[in-house]
Every structure is written in C-alpha cells, then in structure tokens.
C-alpha cells in the first residue's frame, strides 16, 4: 500500500506533500496509519460524491451522551481500513468538544502493532 504523505505547513495546518519524489509518499504500516487518520477526519455529508462517508462529528461532539456512539464510529472506521487485521487497547476521551483516542493496530505489514493516536476538535 502507498499513499501520499500529509505534513504540517508553517501555519500548523496539514497539507499534502509534493515535490520530493518517493519521500512524498508513505508505504506499508505508515500508509495504513495515514489512511486511518484521513478517514477519521472525514465529516459525514461533507463530500458531494460520498455523502455517507465519514463520521457525524458535529452531532457526536455537539450533544451530551454521544461518547459510546462516537467510539463505535471511530472503531469501525479503523477496523474497516485496508490492511488492518485487528485493534486492541482502544481508549478514548471526550473533553470540551475534543475527542482523543489511542489504540494498537495490527496490520498485514508487521508482526508488531502500530501505536495509533488521534485527536479531533469539533
């Protein structure tokens, strides 16, 4: 698996990386991590050609008692990405409309798990 890399620009925003040949891409388990992160950042009803893709972040972080549903959404996104075999030690927290999670992701590319951390502010 190969996917275009994302990097932080000078303003702290994430942008696609270009102009550095193969260095502009991630492969194997790092590509899977990039793919998971990109999928988690998708908002439902935000992309005209894939309205049902993504997580309903505005609802999940905008109302009380949504953490279990949000955990289920995030877990399903991670488990259903290409190359993911299993997810273990899934932990999450919601505080002041900010969601963080961490887990171990087992992939087809390595016998050791990938430590995956995610943070999204709604």
Protein backbone atom coordinates (compact mmCIF):
# COMPACT_ATOMS: atom_id res chain seq x y z
CA UNK A 1 0.00 0.00 0.00
CA UNK A 2 1.17 3.51 -0.80
CA UNK A 3 -0.50 6.84 -0.03
CA UNK A 4 0.50 10.49 -0.41
CA UNK A 5 2.04 11.89 2.76
CA UNK A 6 0.48 14.68 4.78
CA UNK A 7 2.67 17.18 6.61
CA UNK A 8 2.16 20.25 8.78
CA UNK A 9 2.74 23.53 6.96
CA UNK A 10 4.14 26.71 8.51
CA UNK A 11 0.66 27.63 9.84
CA UNK A 12 0.22 24.29 11.59
CA UNK A 13 -2.32 23.03 9.06
CA UNK A 14 -1.97 19.65 7.43
CA UNK A 15 -1.32 19.68 3.68
CA UNK A 16 -0.48 17.08 1.05
CA UNK A 17 3.25 16.69 0.47
CA UNK A 18 4.54 17.18 -3.11
CA UNK A 19 7.82 17.57 -4.95
CA UNK A 20 10.06 15.14 -3.10
CA UNK A 21 9.67 12.01 -5.21
CA UNK A 22 9.09 8.85 -3.19
CA UNK A 23 9.57 10.85 0.02
CA UNK A 24 6.17 12.41 -0.70
CA UNK A 25 4.52 9.05 -0.04
CA UNK A 26 4.02 6.69 2.89
CA UNK A 27 4.05 2.94 2.48
CA UNK A 28 3.17 -0.22 4.38
CA UNK A 29 2.06 0.31 8.00
CA UNK A 30 2.73 4.07 7.82
CA UNK A 31 0.41 4.26 4.81
CA UNK A 32 -2.26 2.45 6.81
CA UNK A 33 -1.87 4.94 9.68
CA UNK A 34 -2.17 7.85 7.22
CA UNK A 35 -5.24 6.25 5.62
CA UNK A 36 -6.90 5.75 9.02
CA UNK A 37 -6.23 9.33 10.05
CA UNK A 38 -7.54 10.69 6.75
CA UNK A 39 -10.71 8.59 7.03
CA UNK A 40 -11.29 9.72 10.61
CA UNK A 41 -11.07 13.37 9.57
CA UNK A 42 -13.91 12.98 7.04
CA UNK A 43 -17.15 14.65 8.07
CA UNK A 44 -20.43 12.98 7.12
CA UNK A 45 -22.37 14.90 4.41
CA UNK A 46 -19.28 16.98 3.60
CA UNK A 47 -18.16 15.44 0.30
CA UNK A 48 -20.69 15.65 -2.54
CA UNK A 49 -19.69 12.31 -4.10
CA UNK A 50 -19.55 10.38 -0.80
CA UNK A 51 -22.20 11.87 1.49
CA UNK A 52 -22.48 8.80 3.72
CA UNK A 53 -18.74 8.51 4.32
CA UNK A 54 -17.17 9.91 7.42
CA UNK A 55 -18.26 10.47 10.98
CA UNK A 56 -21.00 12.83 12.09
CA UNK A 57 -18.54 14.79 14.22
CA UNK A 58 -20.84 17.80 14.67
CA UNK A 59 -23.58 15.70 16.26
CA UNK A 60 -21.27 13.40 18.21
CA UNK A 61 -19.28 16.26 19.77
CA UNK A 62 -22.18 18.71 19.92
CA UNK A 63 -24.54 16.77 22.18
CA UNK A 64 -24.20 15.03 25.51
CA UNK A 65 -24.05 11.25 25.92
CA UNK A 66 -22.61 10.59 22.46
CA UNK A 67 -19.21 9.16 23.50
CA UNK A 68 -20.17 5.49 23.17
CA UNK A 69 -21.61 6.08 19.70
CA UNK A 70 -18.55 8.10 18.70
CA UNK A 71 -16.25 5.34 19.98
CA UNK A 72 -18.19 2.85 17.88
CA UNK A 73 -17.92 5.11 14.80
CA UNK A 74 -14.17 5.60 15.24
CA UNK A 75 -13.53 1.92 15.95
CA UNK A 76 -15.47 0.88 12.83
CA UNK A 77 -13.54 3.31 10.64
CA UNK A 78 -10.23 1.94 11.91
CA UNK A 79 -11.17 -1.73 11.62
CA UNK A 80 -12.57 -1.34 8.09
CA UNK A 81 -9.48 0.26 6.50
CA UNK A 82 -7.37 -1.77 4.09
CA UNK A 83 -4.61 -3.76 5.78
CA UNK A 84 -5.98 -3.60 9.33
CA UNK A 85 -6.17 -7.02 10.96
CA UNK A 86 -7.29 -6.06 14.46
CA UNK A 87 -7.46 -3.25 17.01
CA UNK A 88 -6.57 -3.67 20.67
CA UNK A 89 -6.36 -1.50 23.78
CA UNK A 90 -8.79 1.09 22.39
CA UNK A 91 -9.05 4.01 24.81
CA UNK A 92 -10.73 7.36 24.28
CA UNK A 93 -11.74 10.56 25.97
CA UNK A 94 -14.06 13.46 25.21
CA UNK A 95 -13.39 16.73 26.94
CA UNK A 96 -14.79 20.12 25.97
CA UNK A 97 -15.74 19.01 22.42
CA UNK A 98 -12.31 17.47 21.85
CA UNK A 99 -12.04 13.75 21.11
CA UNK A 100 -8.83 11.81 21.61
CA UNK A 101 -8.20 8.12 21.22
CA UNK A 102 -5.32 5.71 21.19
CA UNK A 103 -5.05 2.06 20.28
CA UNK A 104 -2.78 -0.64 18.94
CA UNK A 105 -3.43 -1.51 15.30
CA UNK A 106 -2.24 -4.82 13.91
CA UNK A 107 -1.63 -4.67 10.16
CA UNK A 108 -0.75 -7.05 7.37
CA UNK A 109 2.69 -5.43 7.11
CA UNK A 110 4.13 -6.13 10.56
CA UNK A 111 4.01 -8.57 13.44
CA UNK A 112 4.29 -5.76 15.96
CA UNK A 113 1.35 -3.39 16.42
CA UNK A 114 1.29 0.19 15.25
CA UNK A 115 0.60 2.67 18.04
CA UNK A 116 -2.14 4.92 16.72
CA UNK A 117 -3.16 8.21 18.36
CA UNK A 118 -5.87 10.56 17.09
CA UNK A 119 -7.16 13.95 18.17
CA UNK A 120 -10.09 15.91 16.74
CA UNK A 121 -11.56 19.15 17.99
CA UNK A 122 -15.17 19.65 16.90
